[in-house]
Amino acid sequence: MVQSEATIRVLIGKVGFDPHDRGILVLSRGLRNAGMEVIFLGKFMTAEEVVSAAIQEGADVIALSDHCGVMRLIARDVMAELERQGAPDICVVAGGIIPEEEKPALEAMGVTGNYGMGTPMEEIVRHIVQRVSSRAKKAY
């Protein structure tokens, strides 16, 4: 269970044409079991739709998933859209099939986690709590 004053709100969306959803369904359940509120948009979203929904829902975190090996492109579009819509403070984490050589570029964009299949849920939950907590501290 997440120990915090406010419930962490995580928006999960699949940007692009990746039809694989098993990972995000497992993630959704794991985050809910950890006490987080999960807003699941589903598949085949655009970066604009994901960011607009995150803003409307008051999400603390956008969790991206990709199993086609194009997370760098997806993340680039989402991060640009966050800037464009004036919400660069929303944390972005990623998971799925992410080539090792792309992880430094994702981190440089501000996309963290970058988890592969089989990552323990506790590790993902801990990371999200730390990201949201450190963002809250910067706000003061």
N, C-alpha and C. Protein backbone atom coordinates (compact mmCIF):
# COMPACT_ATOMS: atom_id res chain seq x y z
N MET A 1 0.84 -1.18 0.00
CA MET A 1 0.00 0.00 0.00
C MET A 1 0.88 1.24 0.00
N VAL A 2 0.57 2.20 -0.85
CA VAL A 2 1.32 3.46 -0.93
C VAL A 2 0.97 4.31 0.29
N GLN A 3 2.00 4.79 0.96
CA GLN A 3 1.79 5.64 2.13
C GLN A 3 2.02 7.09 1.73
N SER A 4 0.96 7.85 1.55
CA SER A 4 1.08 9.26 1.21
C SER A 4 -0.21 9.96 1.62
N GLU A 5 -0.13 11.30 1.65
CA GLU A 5 -1.31 12.07 2.02
C GLU A 5 -2.37 12.02 0.91
N ALA A 6 -1.93 12.07 -0.31
CA ALA A 6 -2.86 12.05 -1.44
C ALA A 6 -2.60 10.80 -2.27
N THR A 7 -3.65 10.29 -2.84
CA THR A 7 -3.52 9.12 -3.69
C THR A 7 -2.84 9.52 -4.99
N ILE A 8 -1.85 8.75 -5.39
CA ILE A 8 -1.14 9.01 -6.64
C ILE A 8 -2.04 8.57 -7.79
N ARG A 9 -2.17 9.47 -8.77
CA ARG A 9 -3.01 9.20 -9.95
C ARG A 9 -2.10 8.91 -11.14
N VAL A 10 -2.24 7.71 -11.70
CA VAL A 10 -1.42 7.29 -12.82
C VAL A 10 -2.30 7.08 -14.04
N LEU A 11 -1.98 7.77 -15.12
CA LEU A 11 -2.69 7.59 -16.37
C LEU A 11 -1.86 6.66 -17.25
N ILE A 12 -2.48 5.60 -17.74
CA ILE A 12 -1.78 4.63 -18.57
C ILE A 12 -2.40 4.67 -19.97
N GLY A 13 -1.52 4.83 -20.95
CA GLY A 13 -2.00 4.84 -22.33
C GLY A 13 -0.99 4.23 -23.27
N LYS A 14 -1.49 3.65 -24.32
CA LYS A 14 -0.64 3.07 -25.37
C LYS A 14 -0.70 4.01 -26.55
N VAL A 15 0.41 4.69 -26.81
CA VAL A 15 0.49 5.61 -27.93
C VAL A 15 0.96 4.84 -29.16
N GLY A 16 0.29 5.05 -30.28
CA GLY A 16 0.68 4.40 -31.52
C GLY A 16 -0.14 3.17 -31.82
N PHE A 17 0.45 2.26 -32.60
CA PHE A 17 -0.29 1.12 -33.12
C PHE A 17 0.07 -0.22 -32.49
N ASP A 18 0.72 -0.19 -31.36
CA ASP A 18 1.11 -1.42 -30.66
C ASP A 18 -0.14 -2.07 -30.05
N PRO A 19 -0.50 -3.29 -30.49
CA PRO A 19 -1.72 -3.92 -29.98
C PRO A 19 -1.53 -4.69 -28.67
N HIS A 20 -0.30 -4.82 -28.19
CA HIS A 20 -0.04 -5.63 -27.00
C HIS A 20 -0.49 -4.91 -25.74
N ASP A 21 -1.33 -5.57 -24.94
CA ASP A 21 -1.83 -4.89 -23.75
C ASP A 21 -1.68 -5.70 -22.46
N ARG A 22 -1.12 -6.88 -22.53
CA ARG A 22 -0.99 -7.69 -21.32
C ARG A 22 -0.19 -6.96 -20.24
N GLY A 23 0.93 -6.35 -20.63
CA GLY A 23 1.78 -5.65 -19.68
C GLY A 23 1.07 -4.50 -18.98
N ILE A 24 0.33 -3.72 -19.74
CA ILE A 24 -0.34 -2.58 -19.10
C ILE A 24 -1.52 -3.02 -18.25
N LEU A 25 -2.12 -4.14 -18.60
CA LEU A 25 -3.19 -4.66 -17.75
C LEU A 25 -2.63 -5.15 -16.42
N VAL A 26 -1.48 -5.83 -16.46
CA VAL A 26 -0.81 -6.27 -15.23
C VAL A 26 -0.37 -5.06 -14.42
N LEU A 27 0.20 -4.06 -15.10
CA LEU A 27 0.63 -2.84 -14.42
C LEU A 27 -0.56 -2.14 -13.76
N SER A 28 -1.65 -2.02 -14.47
CA SER A 28 -2.85 -1.37 -13.91
C SER A 28 -3.29 -2.03 -12.62
N ARG A 29 -3.36 -3.34 -12.64
CA ARG A 29 -3.79 -4.07 -11.44
C ARG A 29 -2.77 -3.89 -10.31
N GLY A 30 -1.49 -4.00 -10.62
CA GLY A 30 -0.45 -3.85 -9.61
C GLY A 30 -0.45 -2.48 -8.96
N LEU A 31 -0.63 -1.44 -9.77
CA LEU A 31 -0.67 -0.08 -9.21
C LEU A 31 -1.92 0.14 -8.37
N ARG A 32 -3.04 -0.40 -8.81
CA ARG A 32 -4.27 -0.30 -8.01
C ARG A 32 -4.11 -1.03 -6.68
N ASN A 33 -3.50 -2.22 -6.74
CA ASN A 33 -3.27 -2.98 -5.51
C ASN A 33 -2.34 -2.24 -4.56
N ALA A 34 -1.48 -1.38 -5.11
CA ALA A 34 -0.56 -0.59 -4.28
C ALA A 34 -1.23 0.68 -3.75
N GLY A 35 -2.49 0.88 -4.07
CA GLY A 35 -3.22 2.03 -3.54
C GLY A 35 -3.25 3.24 -4.45
N MET A 36 -2.78 3.10 -5.66
CA MET A 36 -2.80 4.21 -6.61
C MET A 36 -4.11 4.20 -7.39
N GLU A 37 -4.49 5.36 -7.85
CA GLU A 37 -5.65 5.46 -8.73
C GLU A 37 -5.13 5.36 -10.16
N VAL A 38 -5.71 4.47 -10.95
CA VAL A 38 -5.26 4.24 -12.32
C VAL A 38 -6.36 4.66 -13.29
N ILE A 39 -5.97 5.48 -14.25
CA ILE A 39 -6.84 5.87 -15.34
C ILE A 39 -6.28 5.18 -16.57
N PHE A 40 -6.99 4.20 -17.09
CA PHE A 40 -6.51 3.41 -18.22
C PHE A 40 -7.21 3.86 -19.48
N LEU A 41 -6.47 4.46 -20.40
CA LEU A 41 -7.06 4.98 -21.64
C LEU A 41 -7.26 3.91 -22.70
N GLY A 42 -6.45 2.89 -22.66
CA GLY A 42 -6.54 1.87 -23.68
C GLY A 42 -5.46 2.02 -24.73
N LYS A 43 -5.70 1.40 -25.88
CA LYS A 43 -4.70 1.33 -26.94
C LYS A 43 -4.99 2.34 -28.05
N PHE A 44 -3.97 2.52 -28.89
CA PHE A 44 -4.08 3.29 -30.13
C PHE A 44 -4.37 4.77 -29.90
N MET A 45 -3.73 5.34 -28.88
CA MET A 45 -3.91 6.74 -28.55
C MET A 45 -2.85 7.58 -29.24
N THR A 46 -3.10 8.88 -29.33
CA THR A 46 -2.08 9.81 -29.79
C THR A 46 -1.44 10.47 -28.58
N ALA A 47 -0.28 11.05 -28.76
CA ALA A 47 0.38 11.77 -27.67
C ALA A 47 -0.53 12.89 -27.17
N GLU A 48 -1.17 13.59 -28.07
CA GLU A 48 -2.07 14.68 -27.69
C GLU A 48 -3.22 14.18 -26.83
N GLU A 49 -3.80 13.05 -27.19
CA GLU A 49 -4.92 12.49 -26.41
C GLU A 49 -4.46 12.08 -25.01
N VAL A 50 -3.29 11.46 -24.92
CA VAL A 50 -2.78 11.02 -23.62
C VAL A 50 -2.51 12.22 -22.72
N VAL A 51 -1.84 13.23 -23.24
CA VAL A 51 -1.51 14.40 -22.43
C VAL A 51 -2.78 15.18 -22.05
N SER A 52 -3.68 15.35 -22.98
CA SER A 52 -4.94 16.04 -22.67
C SER A 52 -5.70 15.33 -21.55
N ALA A 53 -5.79 14.01 -21.64
CA ALA A 53 -6.48 13.23 -20.61
C ALA A 53 -5.75 13.33 -19.28
N ALA A 54 -4.42 13.30 -19.30
CA ALA A 54 -3.65 13.40 -18.05
C ALA A 54 -3.92 14.74 -17.37
N ILE A 55 -3.99 15.79 -18.13
CA ILE A 55 -4.27 17.11 -17.57
C ILE A 55 -5.69 17.15 -17.02
N GLN A 56 -6.66 16.69 -17.80
CA GLN A 56 -8.06 16.69 -17.37
C GLN A 56 -8.28 15.85 -16.12
N GLU A 57 -7.56 14.75 -16.01
CA GLU A 57 -7.72 13.83 -14.87
C GLU A 57 -6.87 14.21 -13.67
N GLY A 58 -6.03 15.22 -13.81
CA GLY A 58 -5.15 15.61 -12.71
C GLY A 58 -4.13 14.52 -12.39
N ALA A 59 -3.63 13.85 -13.42
CA ALA A 59 -2.68 12.76 -13.22
C ALA A 59 -1.34 13.28 -12.71
N ASP A 60 -0.74 12.51 -11.82
CA ASP A 60 0.61 12.79 -11.34
C ASP A 60 1.64 12.18 -12.28
N VAL A 61 1.26 11.07 -12.92
CA VAL A 61 2.18 10.28 -13.72
C VAL A 61 1.49 9.81 -14.99
N ILE A 62 2.24 9.83 -16.09
CA ILE A 62 1.83 9.15 -17.31
C ILE A 62 2.73 7.93 -17.44
N ALA A 63 2.13 6.76 -17.55
CA ALA A 63 2.88 5.53 -17.75
C ALA A 63 2.68 5.09 -19.20
N LEU A 64 3.78 5.00 -19.93
CA LEU A 64 3.74 4.61 -21.33
C LEU A 64 4.21 3.17 -21.47
N SER A 65 3.64 2.46 -22.42
CA SER A 65 4.02 1.08 -22.67
C SER A 65 4.18 0.89 -24.17
N ASP A 66 5.25 0.17 -24.54
CA ASP A 66 5.47 -0.12 -25.95
C ASP A 66 6.17 -1.46 -26.09
N HIS A 67 5.68 -2.28 -26.98
CA HIS A 67 6.30 -3.57 -27.25
C HIS A 67 6.72 -3.69 -28.72
N CYS A 68 6.93 -2.55 -29.37
CA CYS A 68 7.38 -2.54 -30.76
C CYS A 68 8.78 -1.94 -30.89
N GLY A 69 9.37 -1.52 -29.78
CA GLY A 69 10.72 -0.99 -29.81
C GLY A 69 10.84 0.45 -30.28
N VAL A 70 9.76 1.22 -30.15
CA VAL A 70 9.79 2.62 -30.60
C VAL A 70 9.48 3.60 -29.46
N MET A 71 9.82 3.22 -28.23
CA MET A 71 9.51 4.08 -27.09
C MET A 71 10.16 5.46 -27.23
N ARG A 72 11.34 5.51 -27.80
CA ARG A 72 12.01 6.81 -27.95
C ARG A 72 11.15 7.79 -28.76
N LEU A 73 10.51 7.30 -29.81
CA LEU A 73 9.65 8.16 -30.63
C LEU A 73 8.38 8.54 -29.87
N ILE A 74 7.80 7.56 -29.20
CA ILE A 74 6.59 7.82 -28.41
C ILE A 74 6.88 8.84 -27.31
N ALA A 75 7.96 8.62 -26.59
CA ALA A 75 8.32 9.51 -25.48
C ALA A 75 8.60 10.91 -25.99
N ARG A 76 9.30 11.01 -27.11
CA ARG A 76 9.59 12.34 -27.68
C ARG A 76 8.30 13.11 -27.93
N ASP A 77 7.31 12.42 -28.51
CA ASP A 77 6.04 13.08 -28.83
C ASP A 77 5.28 13.45 -27.56
N VAL A 78 5.26 12.57 -26.57
CA VAL A 78 4.55 12.85 -25.32
C VAL A 78 5.22 14.00 -24.57
N MET A 79 6.54 13.99 -24.49
CA MET A 79 7.24 15.06 -23.77
C MET A 79 7.03 16.40 -24.47
N ALA A 80 7.06 16.42 -25.79
CA ALA A 80 6.80 17.66 -26.54
C ALA A 80 5.38 18.14 -26.31
N GLU A 81 4.45 17.21 -26.26
CA GLU A 81 3.04 17.57 -26.04
C GLU A 81 2.82 18.09 -24.62
N LEU A 82 3.51 17.52 -23.64
CA LEU A 82 3.43 18.05 -22.27
C LEU A 82 3.89 19.50 -22.24
N GLU A 83 4.98 19.80 -22.91
CA GLU A 83 5.46 21.20 -22.98
C GLU A 83 4.43 22.07 -23.69
N ARG A 84 3.94 21.60 -24.83
CA ARG A 84 3.00 22.39 -25.62
C ARG A 84 1.73 22.71 -24.85
N GLN A 85 1.26 21.73 -24.06
CA GLN A 85 0.02 21.94 -23.31
C GLN A 85 0.27 22.52 -21.91
N GLY A 86 1.51 22.89 -21.61
CA GLY A 86 1.82 23.56 -20.35
C GLY A 86 1.78 22.66 -19.13
N ALA A 87 2.16 21.40 -19.29
CA ALA A 87 2.12 20.47 -18.17
C ALA A 87 3.43 19.68 -18.04
N PRO A 88 4.58 20.34 -18.09
CA PRO A 88 5.84 19.60 -18.03
C PRO A 88 6.13 18.97 -16.67
N ASP A 89 5.31 19.30 -15.66
CA ASP A 89 5.52 18.76 -14.32
C ASP A 89 4.92 17.37 -14.12
N ILE A 90 4.16 16.87 -15.09
CA ILE A 90 3.62 15.51 -14.98
C ILE A 90 4.78 14.54 -15.24
N CYS A 91 4.99 13.61 -14.32
CA CYS A 91 6.06 12.62 -14.44
C CYS A 91 5.71 11.63 -15.54
N VAL A 92 6.73 11.16 -16.26
CA VAL A 92 6.52 10.16 -17.30
C VAL A 92 7.45 8.99 -17.02
N VAL A 93 6.86 7.79 -16.97
CA VAL A 93 7.62 6.56 -16.81
C VAL A 93 7.28 5.66 -18.00
N ALA A 94 8.17 4.70 -18.27
CA ALA A 94 7.96 3.86 -19.44
C ALA A 94 8.31 2.41 -19.15
N GLY A 95 7.74 1.54 -19.95
CA GLY A 95 8.03 0.12 -19.84
C GLY A 95 7.70 -0.60 -21.13
N GLY A 96 8.18 -1.82 -21.21
CA GLY A 96 7.93 -2.64 -22.39
C GLY A 96 9.23 -3.11 -22.98
N ILE A 97 9.30 -3.11 -24.30
CA ILE A 97 10.54 -3.48 -24.99
C ILE A 97 11.26 -2.19 -25.32
N ILE A 98 12.29 -1.92 -24.52
CA ILE A 98 13.06 -0.69 -24.70
C ILE A 98 14.51 -1.09 -24.91
N PRO A 99 15.04 -0.86 -26.11
CA PRO A 99 16.43 -1.21 -26.36
C PRO A 99 17.36 -0.48 -25.38
N GLU A 100 18.33 -1.21 -24.85
CA GLU A 100 19.27 -0.65 -23.87
C GLU A 100 19.90 0.65 -24.36
N GLU A 101 20.25 0.69 -25.64
CA GLU A 101 20.93 1.87 -26.17
C GLU A 101 20.03 3.11 -26.22
N GLU A 102 18.72 2.92 -26.08
CA GLU A 102 17.79 4.05 -26.08
C GLU A 102 17.49 4.59 -24.68
N LYS A 103 17.83 3.83 -23.65
CA LYS A 103 17.51 4.26 -22.28
C LYS A 103 18.17 5.58 -21.89
N PRO A 104 19.45 5.82 -22.23
CA PRO A 104 20.03 7.13 -21.88
C PRO A 104 19.29 8.30 -22.53
N ALA A 105 18.84 8.14 -23.76
CA ALA A 105 18.10 9.20 -24.44
C ALA A 105 16.76 9.44 -23.75
N LEU A 106 16.11 8.37 -23.33
CA LEU A 106 14.84 8.51 -22.61
C LEU A 106 15.04 9.23 -21.29
N GLU A 107 16.07 8.82 -20.55
CA GLU A 107 16.38 9.49 -19.28
C GLU A 107 16.66 10.97 -19.50
N ALA A 108 17.40 11.30 -20.56
CA ALA A 108 17.71 12.70 -20.86
C ALA A 108 16.45 13.51 -21.16
N MET A 109 15.44 12.85 -21.71
CA MET A 109 14.15 13.51 -21.98
C MET A 109 13.35 13.71 -20.70
N GLY A 110 13.70 12.96 -19.66
CA GLY A 110 12.92 13.02 -18.42
C GLY A 110 12.01 11.82 -18.24
N VAL A 111 12.12 10.83 -19.12
CA VAL A 111 11.32 9.61 -19.03
C VAL A 111 12.12 8.61 -18.22
N THR A 112 11.57 8.17 -17.09
CA THR A 112 12.32 7.29 -16.19
C THR A 112 11.64 5.94 -16.05
N GLY A 113 12.29 5.08 -15.31
CA GLY A 113 11.79 3.71 -15.15
C GLY A 113 12.35 2.87 -16.27
N ASN A 114 11.75 3.01 -17.44
CA ASN A 114 12.20 2.30 -18.63
C ASN A 114 12.39 0.81 -18.35
N TYR A 115 11.34 0.24 -17.78
CA TYR A 115 11.36 -1.14 -17.32
C TYR A 115 11.07 -2.13 -18.42
N GLY A 116 11.69 -3.28 -18.32
CA GLY A 116 11.43 -4.37 -19.23
C GLY A 116 10.44 -5.35 -18.63
N MET A 117 10.10 -6.33 -19.43
CA MET A 117 9.17 -7.37 -18.97
C MET A 117 9.79 -8.10 -17.78
N GLY A 118 8.96 -8.44 -16.82
CA GLY A 118 9.43 -9.19 -15.66
C GLY A 118 9.93 -8.33 -14.51
N THR A 119 9.90 -7.01 -14.66
CA THR A 119 10.32 -6.14 -13.56
C THR A 119 9.35 -6.32 -12.40
N PRO A 120 9.86 -6.52 -11.18
CA PRO A 120 8.96 -6.69 -10.03
C PRO A 120 8.07 -5.45 -9.82
N MET A 121 6.82 -5.69 -9.54
CA MET A 121 5.87 -4.60 -9.34
C MET A 121 6.32 -3.67 -8.22
N GLU A 122 6.92 -4.24 -7.17
CA GLU A 122 7.38 -3.41 -6.04
C GLU A 122 8.39 -2.38 -6.50
N GLU A 123 9.24 -2.74 -7.45
CA GLU A 123 10.24 -1.81 -7.97
C GLU A 123 9.58 -0.66 -8.73
N ILE A 124 8.58 -0.98 -9.52
CA ILE A 124 7.87 0.03 -10.28
C ILE A 124 7.10 0.97 -9.34
N VAL A 125 6.41 0.40 -8.37
CA VAL A 125 5.66 1.20 -7.41
C VAL A 125 6.60 2.13 -6.65
N ARG A 126 7.71 1.59 -6.17
CA ARG A 126 8.68 2.40 -5.42
C ARG A 126 9.19 3.56 -6.28
N HIS A 127 9.47 3.28 -7.54
CA HIS A 127 9.96 4.31 -8.45
C HIS A 127 8.92 5.42 -8.64
N ILE A 128 7.68 5.04 -8.87
CA ILE A 128 6.62 6.04 -9.08
C ILE A 128 6.44 6.88 -7.83
N VAL A 129 6.42 6.26 -6.66
CA VAL A 129 6.28 7.01 -5.41
C VAL A 129 7.43 8.00 -5.26
N GLN A 130 8.65 7.56 -5.56
CA GLN A 130 9.81 8.45 -5.45
C GLN A 130 9.72 9.61 -6.44
N ARG A 131 9.31 9.33 -7.68
CA ARG A 131 9.19 10.40 -8.68
C ARG A 131 8.17 11.44 -8.25
N VAL A 132 7.00 10.98 -7.80
CA VAL A 132 5.95 11.92 -7.40
C VAL A 132 6.38 12.69 -6.16
N SER A 133 7.02 12.00 -5.23
CA SER A 133 7.49 12.63 -4.00
C SER A 133 8.54 13.70 -4.29
N SER A 134 9.49 13.41 -5.17
CA SER A 134 10.54 14.38 -5.47
C SER A 134 9.97 15.56 -6.25
N ARG A 135 8.97 15.33 -7.07
CA ARG A 135 8.31 16.44 -7.79
C ARG A 135 7.60 17.34 -6.80
N ALA A 136 6.94 16.74 -5.82
CA ALA A 136 6.22 17.53 -4.80
C ALA A 136 7.19 18.38 -3.99
N LYS A 137 8.36 17.85 -3.68
CA LYS A 137 9.35 18.62 -2.92
C LYS A 137 9.86 19.81 -3.71
N LYS A 138 10.00 19.66 -5.03
CA LYS A 138 10.46 20.76 -5.89
C LYS A 138 9.42 21.87 -5.98
N ALA A 139 8.17 21.53 -5.75
CA ALA A 139 7.09 22.51 -5.86
C ALA A 139 7.10 23.51 -4.71
N TYR A 140 7.78 23.17 -3.62
CA TYR A 140 7.79 24.06 -2.45
C TYR A 140 8.85 25.10 -2.55
